[in-house]
Every structure is written in structure tokens, then in C-alpha cells.
Amino acid sequence: MATPHIEAKKDEIAKTVLMPGDPLRAKFIADTYLEDVKQFNHIRNMFGYTGTYNGKRISVMGSGMGMPSIGIYSYELFKFYDVDRIVRIGSAGAYAPELDLYDTIIVDDAWSESSYAKTQNDSESPVMKASNDLTERLADIADKLDIPVIRGRIHSSDVFYREDESVHEEYYHKHKCLAVEMESFALFHNANVLGKQAACLLTISDSFTKNTATTPEERQTAFTNMMKIALELAE
């Protein structure tokens, strides 16, 4: 059963989907880690793949950038393809001064000034929580793999280029946001609305408090710790 944005048949997508923003990161994961891979989506070059990891089935698909984009894809996967859980694996800009490039964050919840939830189903909450059980599973996996992680709240922003970049200090101190990205708030909201599970792993790609940043190629292929953690959810 195809949707306007996903051409797959229902049984071509696993119950667990890993969702990087970049479709080329989805391709990298499929090419590097999965076996018996089948591509299930080409529409708009938003690549999606299903394969096996250590003999267990899992899917990976790009979400695009921003809440409207991941909002569409995650809703269709949950609602029309019976996906049970989606784990965003993305990049983030550090607000917390103690965070360094390549640090891995497990997100507990996302704060946002976005109107996404208000528009979608009239929700007024500025904070969307990740699914607790799924988040704890990721934390346990990270511990078993001996991969250090930081847990906490992040900021999901509608805007990448903000004229007043100094607001990161307020968001860090007032709202306790460790870092910023652009998708998790909408993903968590969709999961809550549809009775599904969603979680998020982020890798620090740049910093608002330090003059450091990764390259586009590194963002596509070098953020492997969060990939290794999330892939262990294959079943």
C-alpha cells in the first residue's frame, strides 16, 4: 500500500525504523551494516531500505530536514505501514559548553517553540517526551557496548539560520536544552498521538560555545556510535 511519499508495500518495512535526516546517511547505514538489503523507497530521493543486522530485521529511511518533513514520513510509517518504533539518529549543535564534537546524546525530551503540535492536533505542550521504554533500551545497549552517552533535553527548532544566535544561552539556562536539532519534537508528538514508540540519538556536529564543526562528509559517514547503538534494536 503506497502513500503519497512512500512507495513500499506494507510488508517491505520492518517494525523498527532508524531515521537519519540525510537519505545518504540512510544509504551509508544500509551499505555498511545491513545484509540482504532491499530498497523500498525512491520517491523524492528519500531513500528507504530494509535488511538484516546480525540476522535480525530492521529498516532505515531518511526523514529530510525539519519538523514538517519528518512529520510526514513518521506519520505515514506509523499510521499506514504499522511501524511500531522509530529512532531518529541525527546531528545536533551543542548549547552545553561541556559537549564536544562526536559526543552522543540520548534524548529524554524535546522542547520547542514550534507550532507543529498545536497545528497537528491542538496540543499546547512545548515539551514532547521520548518513549521511556525505548529510550531505556537504548541506554542499556549503549552501556553494554561501552559507548559513553549524555542524556537530557534538546531544543527542536523550526529555524536553522536564526538572526539572533545568542538565544542559545537562554535555551540552555532557562529550558535546560543541551543541544539543538530540527526534528525530534514532531517525531515524539506523532508517536504520542498514534500510540507508537519514538526515541532519538544525536551526535554533536558543531558547537555554539566553541569554534568547532564537522564537515558534511563526516556528518554523513562518521557518526557511527549512534548507528551502532540503534542497530541493536533489530529484531
Foldseek 3Di string as FASTA:
>chain_A
DADPFWQADLVQADLEEEEEQDQLLQVLCCVPFFPPKDWRGCGVHFTKIWGDGVRFIHIYTHQHAAAVRVLVVLLCCVPPNVRFEYEYEYAWAFLDPVDDFLAKEWEQKEFEPDCLLCVVPNDPDRIFGADPVVSVLLVVLCVVVVHDHHYYYAYAYRDDDDPDPVCSNVCCVVVVHGTYGHHDNSNRSSCVVSVHGYIYMYGYAHYPNDHDGHDPVCRSHVSCSSVVSSSVPGD
